[in-house]
Amino acid sequence: MPSLPTLHSIDELQNALVEQNYISDRSLTTAIYLALKLKRPLFLEGEAGVGKTEVAKVLTQWLDTTLIRLQCYEGLDVSTAVYEWNYTEQLLQIRLMEAAGHVQIESARHELFSPHFLLKRPLLQAIDYTGDRPPVLLIDELDRADEEFEAYLLEVLSDFQITVPELGTLRAPAPPVVIITSNRTREIHDALKRRCLYHWIDYPSFEKEYGIVLAKVPGAPAQLARQVVAFVQELRREELYKVPGVAETLDWIKALVALDQRALTETLVYDTLGALLKYREDIQLAQRAAVKPILQRLPTLV
């Protein structure tokens, strides 16, 4: 039966995450630790770009297992998320049976609706996984999916099983490691939340974000990294349509390193704001009212 490596302490997990270049505060590490020990799904909420999806990727690397990702969207249904029958192959098989002259309803039904013709989508792939270690199942941006799909997840998250009417109930030999993320564009139903451990990931402190930048972009000059983090932290105080997350901070520092820059200047910030902000209105607001004041305060911030 697939099994996870033995975890002895939260500190051990914290060190493992650091080795994978993921900088986590202790409260998040504790939530991940409990999810692994109790074999419960972990529900992560927070603004876009704060590192929710990255948790699943890092755990996959650390566990040396498979990441199975279900990207949610409006209209997501069972045939895309769970399974569907390979109708083309079934039709071909029927014609072969007809040509052979031995089509009997019961035997044909048994053969056509067998695992051979079943197309496994992410949820069923995770339930029917046969590797040495359980996979990491990432259900990403659940808030984008419809409430009807949310309701379908209840059986999966309660008993880690999926019912295929033609085959019966398929159960996981061992529960997958489940990470569910939400940007909170709408509220997720309480019935689903009760089946999970919960953690809110907020924008990081200066020191934490600085550590993330150094871990993810090791070639960045230390002074430039401190200036970039301080600038972004201040910019998040502005009334922006879309506040930049950690992902945008990393995009910006990578762009500046690619330009072989070692310090922020007003011209440099104006020229590269598109790596940090993704809406025209936000860029215009920053250029008009934020860039100069923040740059003036930088010496006192870093």
C-alpha atoms as a PDB file:
ATOM      1  CA  MET A   1       0.000   0.000   0.000  1.00  0.00           C
ATOM      2  CA  PRO A   2       1.348   3.492  -0.846  1.00  0.00           C
ATOM      3  CA  SER A   3       2.634   5.353   2.209  1.00  0.00           C
ATOM      4  CA  LEU A   4       4.136   8.703   3.116  1.00  0.00           C
ATOM      5  CA  PRO A   5       7.567   9.110   4.724  1.00  0.00           C
ATOM      6  CA  THR A   6       7.481   9.336   8.506  1.00  0.00           C
ATOM      7  CA  LEU A   7       7.422  12.869   9.892  1.00  0.00           C
ATOM      8  CA  HIS A   8       8.693  13.300  13.438  1.00  0.00           C
ATOM      9  CA  SER A   9       8.206  17.024  14.000  1.00  0.00           C
ATOM     10  CA  ILE A  10       7.067  20.319  12.523  1.00  0.00           C
ATOM     11  CA  ASP A  11      10.684  21.482  12.537  1.00  0.00           C
ATOM     12  CA  GLU A  12      11.628  18.541  10.325  1.00  0.00           C
ATOM     13  CA  LEU A  13       8.966  19.539   7.818  1.00  0.00           C
ATOM     14  CA  GLN A  14      10.028  23.197   8.022  1.00  0.00           C
ATOM     15  CA  ASN A  15      13.583  22.222   7.129  1.00  0.00           C
ATOM     16  CA  ALA A  16      12.328  20.032   4.287  1.00  0.00           C
ATOM     17  CA  LEU A  17      10.369  22.959   2.837  1.00  0.00           C
ATOM     18  CA  VAL A  18      13.414  25.231   3.092  1.00  0.00           C
ATOM     19  CA  GLU A  19      15.459  22.623   1.213  1.00  0.00           C
ATOM     20  CA  GLN A  20      12.878  22.906  -1.564  1.00  0.00           C
ATOM     21  CA  ASN A  21      13.291  26.729  -1.541  1.00  0.00           C
ATOM     22  CA  TYR A  22       9.835  27.287  -0.046  1.00  0.00           C
ATOM     23  CA  ILE A  23       9.874  29.842   2.762  1.00  0.00           C
ATOM     24  CA  SER A  24       6.967  29.064   5.091  1.00  0.00           C
ATOM     25  CA  ASP A  25       5.967  30.564   8.414  1.00  0.00           C
ATOM     26  CA  ARG A  26       5.372  28.148  11.263  1.00  0.00           C
ATOM     27  CA  SER A  27       1.587  28.379  11.187  1.00  0.00           C
ATOM     28  CA  LEU A  28       1.461  27.236   7.543  1.00  0.00           C
ATOM     29  CA  THR A  29       4.020  24.502   8.204  1.00  0.00           C
ATOM     30  CA  THR A  30       1.893  23.303  11.121  1.00  0.00           C
ATOM     31  CA  ALA A  31      -1.181  23.134   8.883  1.00  0.00           C
ATOM     32  CA  ILE A  32       0.734  21.123   6.265  1.00  0.00           C
ATOM     33  CA  TYR A  33       2.150  18.836   8.976  1.00  0.00           C
ATOM     34  CA  LEU A  34      -1.297  18.113  10.385  1.00  0.00           C
ATOM     35  CA  ALA A  35      -2.748  17.506   6.926  1.00  0.00           C
ATOM     36  CA  LEU A  36      -0.053  14.897   6.281  1.00  0.00           C
ATOM     37  CA  LYS A  37      -0.310  13.258   9.715  1.00  0.00           C
ATOM     38  CA  LEU A  38      -4.116  13.190   9.836  1.00  0.00           C
ATOM     39  CA  LYS A  39      -4.493  12.450   6.095  1.00  0.00           C
ATOM     40  CA  ARG A  40      -6.920  15.332   5.698  1.00  0.00           C
ATOM     41  CA  PRO A  41      -7.273  17.705   2.730  1.00  0.00           C
ATOM     42  CA  LEU A  42      -5.680  21.109   3.258  1.00  0.00           C
ATOM     43  CA  PHE A  43      -7.780  24.074   2.130  1.00  0.00           C
ATOM     44  CA  LEU A  44      -5.650  27.156   1.397  1.00  0.00           C
ATOM     45  CA  GLU A  45      -7.202  30.561   0.854  1.00  0.00           C
ATOM     46  CA  GLY A  46      -5.507  33.845   0.106  1.00  0.00           C
ATOM     47  CA  GLU A  47      -4.969  36.485  -2.533  1.00  0.00           C
ATOM     48  CA  ALA A  48      -3.630  35.434  -5.919  1.00  0.00           C
ATOM     49  CA  GLY A  49       0.137  35.023  -6.067  1.00  0.00           C
ATOM     50  CA  VAL A  50       0.883  34.387  -2.385  1.00  0.00           C
ATOM     51  CA  GLY A  51       2.147  30.819  -2.862  1.00  0.00           C
ATOM     52  CA  LYS A  52      -0.892  28.550  -2.414  1.00  0.00           C
ATOM     53  CA  THR A  53      -0.341  26.445  -5.533  1.00  0.00           C
ATOM     54  CA  GLU A  54       3.372  26.295  -4.799  1.00  0.00           C
ATOM     55  CA  VAL A  55       2.646  24.291  -1.632  1.00  0.00           C
ATOM     56  CA  ALA A  56       1.406  21.382  -3.744  1.00  0.00           C
ATOM     57  CA  LYS A  57       4.394  21.585  -6.085  1.00  0.00           C
ATOM     58  CA  VAL A  58       6.897  21.658  -3.228  1.00  0.00           C
ATOM     59  CA  LEU A  59       5.244  18.722  -1.462  1.00  0.00           C
ATOM     60  CA  THR A  60       5.355  16.767  -4.715  1.00  0.00           C
ATOM     61  CA  GLN A  61       9.092  17.357  -5.011  1.00  0.00           C
ATOM     62  CA  TRP A  62       9.761  16.523  -1.374  1.00  0.00           C
ATOM     63  CA  LEU A  63       7.650  13.368  -1.410  1.00  0.00           C
ATOM     64  CA  ASP A  64       9.117  12.337  -4.775  1.00  0.00           C
ATOM     65  CA  THR A  65       5.667  11.512  -6.076  1.00  0.00           C
ATOM     66  CA  THR A  66       3.265  12.583  -8.830  1.00  0.00           C
ATOM     67  CA  LEU A  67       1.391  15.884  -8.965  1.00  0.00           C
ATOM     68  CA  ILE A  68      -2.151  15.494 -10.301  1.00  0.00           C
ATOM     69  CA  ARG A  69      -3.639  18.923 -10.960  1.00  0.00           C
ATOM     70  CA  LEU A  70      -7.262  19.817 -11.517  1.00  0.00           C
ATOM     71  CA  GLN A  71      -7.550  23.427 -12.671  1.00  0.00           C
ATOM     72  CA  CYS A  72     -11.072  24.602 -11.867  1.00  0.00           C
ATOM     73  CA  TYR A  73     -13.193  26.873 -14.040  1.00  0.00           C
ATOM     74  CA  GLU A  74     -16.829  27.768 -14.542  1.00  0.00           C
ATOM     75  CA  GLY A  75     -18.676  24.861 -16.133  1.00  0.00           C
ATOM     76  CA  LEU A  76     -16.247  22.176 -14.961  1.00  0.00           C
ATOM     77  CA  ASP A  77     -18.100  18.847 -15.044  1.00  0.00           C
ATOM     78  CA  VAL A  78     -17.642  15.169 -14.210  1.00  0.00           C
ATOM     79  CA  SER A  79     -16.426  14.196 -17.682  1.00  0.00           C
ATOM     80  CA  THR A  80     -13.539  16.672 -17.401  1.00  0.00           C
ATOM     81  CA  ALA A  81     -12.727  16.297 -13.710  1.00  0.00           C
ATOM     82  CA  VAL A  82     -13.487  12.645 -12.929  1.00  0.00           C
ATOM     83  CA  TYR A  83     -13.952  10.265 -15.856  1.00  0.00           C
ATOM     84  CA  GLU A  84     -15.666   9.608 -19.157  1.00  0.00           C
ATOM     85  CA  TRP A  85     -16.046   6.634 -21.459  1.00  0.00           C
ATOM     86  CA  ASN A  86     -13.995   6.400 -24.616  1.00  0.00           C
ATOM     87  CA  TYR A  87     -16.951   6.417 -27.001  1.00  0.00           C
ATOM     88  CA  THR A  88     -14.790   6.248 -30.131  1.00  0.00           C
ATOM     89  CA  GLU A  89     -13.065   3.072 -28.939  1.00  0.00           C
ATOM     90  CA  GLN A  90     -16.371   1.609 -27.770  1.00  0.00           C
ATOM     91  CA  LEU A  91     -17.938   2.229 -31.191  1.00  0.00           C
ATOM     92  CA  LEU A  92     -14.970   0.607 -32.905  1.00  0.00           C
ATOM     93  CA  GLN A  93     -15.259  -2.406 -30.608  1.00  0.00           C
ATOM     94  CA  ILE A  94     -18.975  -2.774 -31.412  1.00  0.00           C
ATOM     95  CA  ARG A  95     -18.218  -2.815 -35.132  1.00  0.00           C
ATOM     96  CA  LEU A  96     -15.514  -5.438 -34.614  1.00  0.00           C
ATOM     97  CA  MET A  97     -17.945  -7.561 -32.622  1.00  0.00           C
ATOM     98  CA  GLU A  98     -20.596  -7.170 -35.323  1.00  0.00           C
ATOM     99  CA  ALA A  99     -18.095  -8.184 -37.985  1.00  0.00           C
ATOM    100  CA  ALA A 100     -17.208 -11.265 -35.955  1.00  0.00           C
ATOM    101  CA  GLY A 101     -20.913 -12.092 -35.721  1.00  0.00           C
ATOM    102  CA  HIS A 102     -21.167 -12.534 -31.941  1.00  0.00           C
ATOM    103  CA  VAL A 103     -22.880  -9.486 -30.477  1.00  0.00           C
ATOM    104  CA  GLN A 104     -24.774 -10.451 -27.334  1.00  0.00           C
ATOM    105  CA  ILE A 105     -26.215  -7.653 -25.259  1.00  0.00           C
ATOM    106  CA  GLU A 106     -25.006  -8.750 -21.828  1.00  0.00           C
ATOM    107  CA  SER A 107     -21.507  -9.760 -22.904  1.00  0.00           C
ATOM    108  CA  ALA A 108     -21.187  -6.636 -25.038  1.00  0.00           C
ATOM    109  CA  ARG A 109     -22.223  -4.395 -22.154  1.00  0.00           C
ATOM    110  CA  HIS A 110     -19.745  -6.103 -19.834  1.00  0.00           C
ATOM    111  CA  GLU A 111     -16.920  -5.711 -22.333  1.00  0.00           C
ATOM    112  CA  LEU A 112     -17.694  -2.164 -23.452  1.00  0.00           C
ATOM    113  CA  PHE A 113     -18.026  -0.776 -19.937  1.00  0.00           C
ATOM    114  CA  SER A 114     -14.793  -2.223 -18.619  1.00  0.00           C
ATOM    115  CA  PRO A 115     -11.741  -0.364 -17.260  1.00  0.00           C
ATOM    116  CA  HIS A 116     -10.107  -0.672 -20.681  1.00  0.00           C
ATOM    117  CA  PHE A 117     -12.515   1.921 -22.108  1.00  0.00           C
ATOM    118  CA  LEU A 118     -12.483   4.229 -19.077  1.00  0.00           C
ATOM    119  CA  LEU A 119     -10.721   7.579 -19.504  1.00  0.00           C
ATOM    120  CA  LYS A 120      -9.495   8.671 -16.085  1.00  0.00           C
ATOM    121  CA  ARG A 121      -9.498  12.385 -15.385  1.00  0.00           C
ATOM    122  CA  PRO A 122      -7.598  14.019 -12.475  1.00  0.00           C
ATOM    123  CA  LEU A 123      -9.875  13.021  -9.573  1.00  0.00           C
ATOM    124  CA  LEU A 124     -10.100   9.379 -10.620  1.00  0.00           C
ATOM    125  CA  GLN A 125      -6.376   9.329 -11.425  1.00  0.00           C
ATOM    126  CA  ALA A 126      -5.689  10.350  -7.834  1.00  0.00           C
ATOM    127  CA  ILE A 127      -8.114   7.802  -6.359  1.00  0.00           C
ATOM    128  CA  ASP A 128      -6.913   4.937  -8.576  1.00  0.00           C
ATOM    129  CA  TYR A 129      -3.200   5.727  -8.240  1.00  0.00           C
ATOM    130  CA  THR A 130      -0.894   2.711  -7.824  1.00  0.00           C
ATOM    131  CA  GLY A 131       2.539   4.264  -7.202  1.00  0.00           C
ATOM    132  CA  ASP A 132       4.785   3.628  -4.219  1.00  0.00           C
ATOM    133  CA  ARG A 133       3.688   6.870  -2.570  1.00  0.00           C
ATOM    134  CA  PRO A 134       0.305   8.600  -2.667  1.00  0.00           C
ATOM    135  CA  PRO A 135       0.096  11.367  -5.260  1.00  0.00           C
ATOM    136  CA  VAL A 136      -0.430  15.036  -4.492  1.00  0.00           C
ATOM    137  CA  LEU A 137      -3.866  16.073  -5.764  1.00  0.00           C
ATOM    138  CA  LEU A 138      -4.075  19.817  -6.386  1.00  0.00           C
ATOM    139  CA  ILE A 139      -7.600  21.171  -6.819  1.00  0.00           C
ATOM    140  CA  ASP A 140      -6.652  24.666  -7.894  1.00  0.00           C
ATOM    141  CA  GLU A 141      -8.898  27.744  -7.654  1.00  0.00           C
ATOM    142  CA  LEU A 142     -11.998  25.877  -6.529  1.00  0.00           C
ATOM    143  CA  ASP A 143     -13.844  29.183  -6.200  1.00  0.00           C
ATOM    144  CA  ARG A 144     -13.954  29.368 -10.014  1.00  0.00           C
ATOM    145  CA  ALA A 145     -15.974  26.133 -10.273  1.00  0.00           C
ATOM    146  CA  ASP A 146     -19.746  25.887  -9.875  1.00  0.00           C
ATOM    147  CA  GLU A 147     -21.404  24.916  -6.602  1.00  0.00           C
ATOM    148  CA  GLU A 148     -22.681  21.694  -8.219  1.00  0.00           C
ATOM    149  CA  PHE A 149     -19.101  20.508  -8.707  1.00  0.00           C
ATOM    150  CA  GLU A 150     -18.343  21.452  -5.121  1.00  0.00           C
ATOM    151  CA  ALA A 151     -21.120  19.116  -4.000  1.00  0.00           C
ATOM    152  CA  TYR A 152     -19.671  16.291  -6.070  1.00  0.00           C
ATOM    153  CA  LEU A 153     -16.358  16.665  -4.242  1.00  0.00           C
ATOM    154  CA  LEU A 154     -17.944  15.768  -0.913  1.00  0.00           C
ATOM    155  CA  GLU A 155     -17.853  12.014  -1.589  1.00  0.00           C
ATOM    156  CA  VAL A 156     -14.292  12.227  -2.839  1.00  0.00           C
ATOM    157  CA  LEU A 157     -13.010  14.173   0.155  1.00  0.00           C
ATOM    158  CA  SER A 158     -15.003  12.257   2.769  1.00  0.00           C
ATOM    159  CA  ASP A 159     -14.090   8.690   1.852  1.00  0.00           C
ATOM    160  CA  PHE A 160     -11.592   9.079  -0.990  1.00  0.00           C
ATOM    161  CA  GLN A 161     -13.807   7.073  -3.269  1.00  0.00           C
ATOM    162  CA  ILE A 162     -15.585   7.606  -6.588  1.00  0.00           C
ATOM    163  CA  THR A 163     -18.646   5.772  -7.821  1.00  0.00           C
ATOM    164  CA  VAL A 164     -18.715   4.764 -11.490  1.00  0.00           C
ATOM    165  CA  PRO A 165     -22.209   3.279 -12.028  1.00  0.00           C
ATOM    166  CA  GLU A 166     -21.018   0.740 -14.592  1.00  0.00           C
ATOM    167  CA  LEU A 167     -18.086  -0.466 -12.477  1.00  0.00           C
ATOM    168  CA  GLY A 168     -19.059   0.208  -8.873  1.00  0.00           C
ATOM    169  CA  THR A 169     -17.229   2.208  -6.225  1.00  0.00           C
ATOM    170  CA  LEU A 170     -13.490   2.722  -6.643  1.00  0.00           C
ATOM    171  CA  ARG A 171     -11.565   3.416  -3.426  1.00  0.00           C
ATOM    172  CA  ALA A 172      -8.079   4.800  -2.994  1.00  0.00           C
ATOM    173  CA  PRO A 173      -5.605   2.248  -1.537  1.00  0.00           C
ATOM    174  CA  ALA A 174      -4.216   5.197   0.439  1.00  0.00           C
ATOM    175  CA  PRO A 175      -5.558   8.765   0.581  1.00  0.00           C
ATOM    176  CA  PRO A 176      -3.807  11.185  -1.775  1.00  0.00           C
ATOM    177  CA  VAL A 177      -2.284  14.344  -0.341  1.00  0.00           C
ATOM    178  CA  VAL A 178      -5.001  16.873  -1.221  1.00  0.00           C
ATOM    179  CA  ILE A 179      -4.326  20.599  -1.539  1.00  0.00           C
ATOM    180  CA  ILE A 180      -7.324  22.793  -2.390  1.00  0.00           C
ATOM    181  CA  THR A 181      -6.800  26.463  -3.191  1.00  0.00           C
ATOM    182  CA  SER A 182      -9.179  29.391  -3.454  1.00  0.00           C
ATOM    183  CA  ASN A 183      -8.689  33.084  -4.218  1.00  0.00           C
ATOM    184  CA  ARG A 184     -11.991  33.715  -2.436  1.00  0.00           C
ATOM    185  CA  THR A 185     -13.809  35.215  -5.401  1.00  0.00           C
ATOM    186  CA  ARG A 186     -16.796  33.486  -3.808  1.00  0.00           C
ATOM    187  CA  GLU A 187     -17.388  31.603  -0.555  1.00  0.00           C
ATOM    188  CA  ILE A 188     -16.857  27.852  -0.517  1.00  0.00           C
ATOM    189  CA  HIS A 189     -19.654  25.857   1.135  1.00  0.00           C
ATOM    190  CA  ASP A 190     -19.252  24.900   4.806  1.00  0.00           C
ATOM    191  CA  ALA A 191     -19.875  21.222   4.044  1.00  0.00           C
ATOM    192  CA  LEU A 192     -16.688  21.077   2.004  1.00  0.00           C
ATOM    193  CA  LYS A 193     -14.653  23.159   4.440  1.00  0.00           C
ATOM    194  CA  ARG A 194     -15.566  20.809   7.285  1.00  0.00           C
ATOM    195  CA  ARG A 195     -13.790  18.005   5.466  1.00  0.00           C
ATOM    196  CA  CYS A 196     -10.553  19.983   5.342  1.00  0.00           C
ATOM    197  CA  LEU A 197      -7.973  21.649   7.509  1.00  0.00           C
ATOM    198  CA  TYR A 198      -7.926  25.378   6.758  1.00  0.00           C
ATOM    199  CA  HIS A 199      -5.209  27.996   6.465  1.00  0.00           C
ATOM    200  CA  TRP A 200      -5.230  31.560   5.187  1.00  0.00           C
ATOM    201  CA  ILE A 201      -2.002  32.617   3.439  1.00  0.00           C
ATOM    202  CA  ASP A 202      -1.512  36.360   3.731  1.00  0.00           C
ATOM    203  CA  TYR A 203       0.958  38.644   2.003  1.00  0.00           C
ATOM    204  CA  PRO A 204       4.351  37.984   3.621  1.00  0.00           C
ATOM    205  CA  SER A 205       6.299  40.279   5.899  1.00  0.00           C
ATOM    206  CA  PHE A 206       9.319  42.124   4.526  1.00  0.00           C
ATOM    207  CA  GLU A 207      11.821  39.623   5.892  1.00  0.00           C
ATOM    208  CA  LYS A 208       9.852  36.610   4.667  1.00  0.00           C
ATOM    209  CA  GLU A 209       9.397  38.042   1.168  1.00  0.00           C
ATOM    210  CA  TYR A 210      13.083  39.001   1.062  1.00  0.00           C
ATOM    211  CA  GLY A 211      13.959  35.422   1.978  1.00  0.00           C
ATOM    212  CA  ILE A 212      11.668  34.117  -0.775  1.00  0.00           C
ATOM    213  CA  VAL A 213      13.343  36.381  -3.350  1.00  0.00           C
ATOM    214  CA  LEU A 214      16.840  35.223  -2.349  1.00  0.00           C
ATOM    215  CA  ALA A 215      15.732  31.571  -2.432  1.00  0.00           C
ATOM    216  CA  LYS A 216      13.970  31.783  -5.807  1.00  0.00           C
ATOM    217  CA  VAL A 217      16.351  34.233  -7.536  1.00  0.00           C
ATOM    218  CA  PRO A 218      19.757  33.468  -6.027  1.00  0.00           C
ATOM    219  CA  GLY A 219      21.535  35.621  -8.616  1.00  0.00           C
ATOM    220  CA  ALA A 220      19.793  38.809  -7.486  1.00  0.00           C
ATOM    221  CA  PRO A 221      22.042  41.440  -5.843  1.00  0.00           C
ATOM    222  CA  ALA A 222      21.150  41.723  -2.148  1.00  0.00           C
ATOM    223  CA  GLN A 223      20.624  45.492  -2.253  1.00  0.00           C
ATOM    224  CA  LEU A 224      18.385  45.295  -5.326  1.00  0.00           C
ATOM    225  CA  ALA A 225      16.382  42.494  -3.711  1.00  0.00           C
ATOM    226  CA  ARG A 226      15.798  44.563  -0.573  1.00  0.00           C
ATOM    227  CA  GLN A 227      14.755  47.590  -2.639  1.00  0.00           C
ATOM    228  CA  VAL A 228      12.356  45.557  -4.771  1.00  0.00           C
ATOM    229  CA  VAL A 229      10.715  43.928  -1.760  1.00  0.00           C
ATOM    230  CA  ALA A 230      10.400  47.243   0.077  1.00  0.00           C
ATOM    231  CA  PHE A 231       8.927  48.906  -3.028  1.00  0.00           C
ATOM    232  CA  VAL A 232       6.354  46.142  -3.524  1.00  0.00           C
ATOM    233  CA  GLN A 233       5.415  46.147   0.149  1.00  0.00           C
ATOM    234  CA  GLU A 234       4.725  49.873  -0.038  1.00  0.00           C
ATOM    235  CA  LEU A 235       2.909  49.594  -3.361  1.00  0.00           C
ATOM    236  CA  ARG A 236       0.460  47.109  -1.805  1.00  0.00           C
ATOM    237  CA  ARG A 237      -0.813  49.964   0.358  1.00  0.00           C
ATOM    238  CA  GLU A 238      -2.138  51.787  -2.714  1.00  0.00           C
ATOM    239  CA  GLU A 239      -5.718  51.450  -3.978  1.00  0.00           C
ATOM    240  CA  LEU A 240      -4.892  49.103  -6.824  1.00  0.00           C
ATOM    241  CA  TYR A 241      -7.313  46.962  -8.806  1.00  0.00           C
ATOM    242  CA  LYS A 242      -4.966  43.984  -8.483  1.00  0.00           C
ATOM    243  CA  VAL A 243      -2.365  44.116  -5.727  1.00  0.00           C
ATOM    244  CA  PRO A 244       0.888  42.408  -6.771  1.00  0.00           C
ATOM    245  CA  GLY A 245       1.549  39.089  -5.059  1.00  0.00           C
ATOM    246  CA  VAL A 246       4.804  37.310  -4.357  1.00  0.00           C
ATOM    247  CA  ALA A 247       4.677  35.804  -7.841  1.00  0.00           C
ATOM    248  CA  GLU A 248       4.744  39.307  -9.328  1.00  0.00           C
ATOM    249  CA  THR A 249       7.620  40.313  -7.038  1.00  0.00           C
ATOM    250  CA  LEU A 250       9.599  37.368  -8.394  1.00  0.00           C
ATOM    251  CA  ASP A 251       8.696  38.259 -11.979  1.00  0.00           C
ATOM    252  CA  TRP A 252       9.933  41.797 -11.441  1.00  0.00           C
ATOM    253  CA  ILE A 253      13.221  40.883  -9.771  1.00  0.00           C
ATOM    254  CA  LYS A 254      13.915  38.328 -12.525  1.00  0.00           C
ATOM    255  CA  ALA A 255      13.307  41.029 -15.142  1.00  0.00           C
ATOM    256  CA  LEU A 256      15.659  43.443 -13.354  1.00  0.00           C
ATOM    257  CA  VAL A 257      18.368  40.789 -13.051  1.00  0.00           C
ATOM    258  CA  ALA A 258      17.951  39.999 -16.756  1.00  0.00           C
ATOM    259  CA  LEU A 259      18.589  43.708 -17.424  1.00  0.00           C
ATOM    260  CA  ASP A 260      21.750  43.460 -15.276  1.00  0.00           C
ATOM    261  CA  GLN A 261      20.503  46.134 -12.842  1.00  0.00           C
ATOM    262  CA  ARG A 262      21.781  46.548  -9.297  1.00  0.00           C
ATOM    263  CA  ALA A 263      19.551  49.331  -7.920  1.00  0.00           C
ATOM    264  CA  LEU A 264      16.141  50.851  -8.562  1.00  0.00           C
ATOM    265  CA  THR A 265      15.863  54.149 -10.357  1.00  0.00           C
ATOM    266  CA  GLU A 266      12.794  56.117 -11.339  1.00  0.00           C
ATOM    267  CA  THR A 267      13.305  55.460 -15.058  1.00  0.00           C
ATOM    268  CA  LEU A 268      13.931  51.756 -14.447  1.00  0.00           C
ATOM    269  CA  VAL A 269      10.735  51.384 -12.409  1.00  0.00           C
ATOM    270  CA  TYR A 270       8.646  53.174 -15.069  1.00  0.00           C
ATOM    271  CA  ASP A 271      10.104  50.993 -17.819  1.00  0.00           C
ATOM    272  CA  THR A 272       9.526  47.675 -16.032  1.00  0.00           C
ATOM    273  CA  LEU A 273       6.207  48.175 -14.215  1.00  0.00           C
ATOM    274  CA  GLY A 274       4.573  45.783 -16.665  1.00  0.00           C
ATOM    275  CA  ALA A 275       6.423  42.917 -14.983  1.00  0.00           C
ATOM    276  CA  LEU A 276       4.846  43.847 -11.651  1.00  0.00           C
ATOM    277  CA  LEU A 277       1.389  45.232 -12.439  1.00  0.00           C
ATOM    278  CA  LYS A 278      -0.986  43.624 -14.933  1.00  0.00           C
ATOM    279  CA  TYR A 279      -3.662  46.286 -15.392  1.00  0.00           C
ATOM    280  CA  ARG A 280      -3.295  49.541 -17.303  1.00  0.00           C
ATOM    281  CA  GLU A 281      -5.178  51.480 -14.633  1.00  0.00           C
ATOM    282  CA  ASP A 282      -2.824  50.199 -11.905  1.00  0.00           C
ATOM    283  CA  ILE A 283       0.251  51.119 -13.934  1.00  0.00           C
ATOM    284  CA  GLN A 284      -1.118  54.612 -14.558  1.00  0.00           C
ATOM    285  CA  LEU A 285      -1.939  55.088 -10.873  1.00  0.00           C
ATOM    286  CA  ALA A 286       1.522  53.924  -9.833  1.00  0.00           C
ATOM    287  CA  GLN A 287       3.248  56.185 -12.351  1.00  0.00           C
ATOM    288  CA  ARG A 288       1.097  59.158 -11.377  1.00  0.00           C
ATOM    289  CA  ALA A 289       1.034  58.906  -7.594  1.00  0.00           C
ATOM    290  CA  ALA A 290       3.152  56.107  -6.135  1.00  0.00           C
ATOM    291  CA  VAL A 291       6.521  55.581  -7.810  1.00  0.00           C
ATOM    292  CA  LYS A 292       8.254  58.817  -6.822  1.00  0.00           C
ATOM    293  CA  PRO A 293       7.053  58.893  -3.172  1.00  0.00           C
ATOM    294  CA  ILE A 294       7.993  55.258  -2.621  1.00  0.00           C
ATOM    295  CA  LEU A 295      11.449  55.704  -4.166  1.00  0.00           C
ATOM    296  CA  GLN A 296      12.006  58.723  -1.939  1.00  0.00           C
ATOM    297  CA  ARG A 297      11.193  56.609   1.128  1.00  0.00           C
ATOM    298  CA  LEU A 298      13.287  53.624   0.063  1.00  0.00           C
ATOM    299  CA  PRO A 299      16.466  54.621   1.995  1.00  0.00           C
ATOM    300  CA  THR A 300      14.498  54.453   5.244  1.00  0.00           C
ATOM    301  CA  LEU A 301      12.783  51.187   4.329  1.00  0.00           C
ATOM    302  CA  VAL A 302      15.706  48.918   3.411  1.00  0.00           C
END
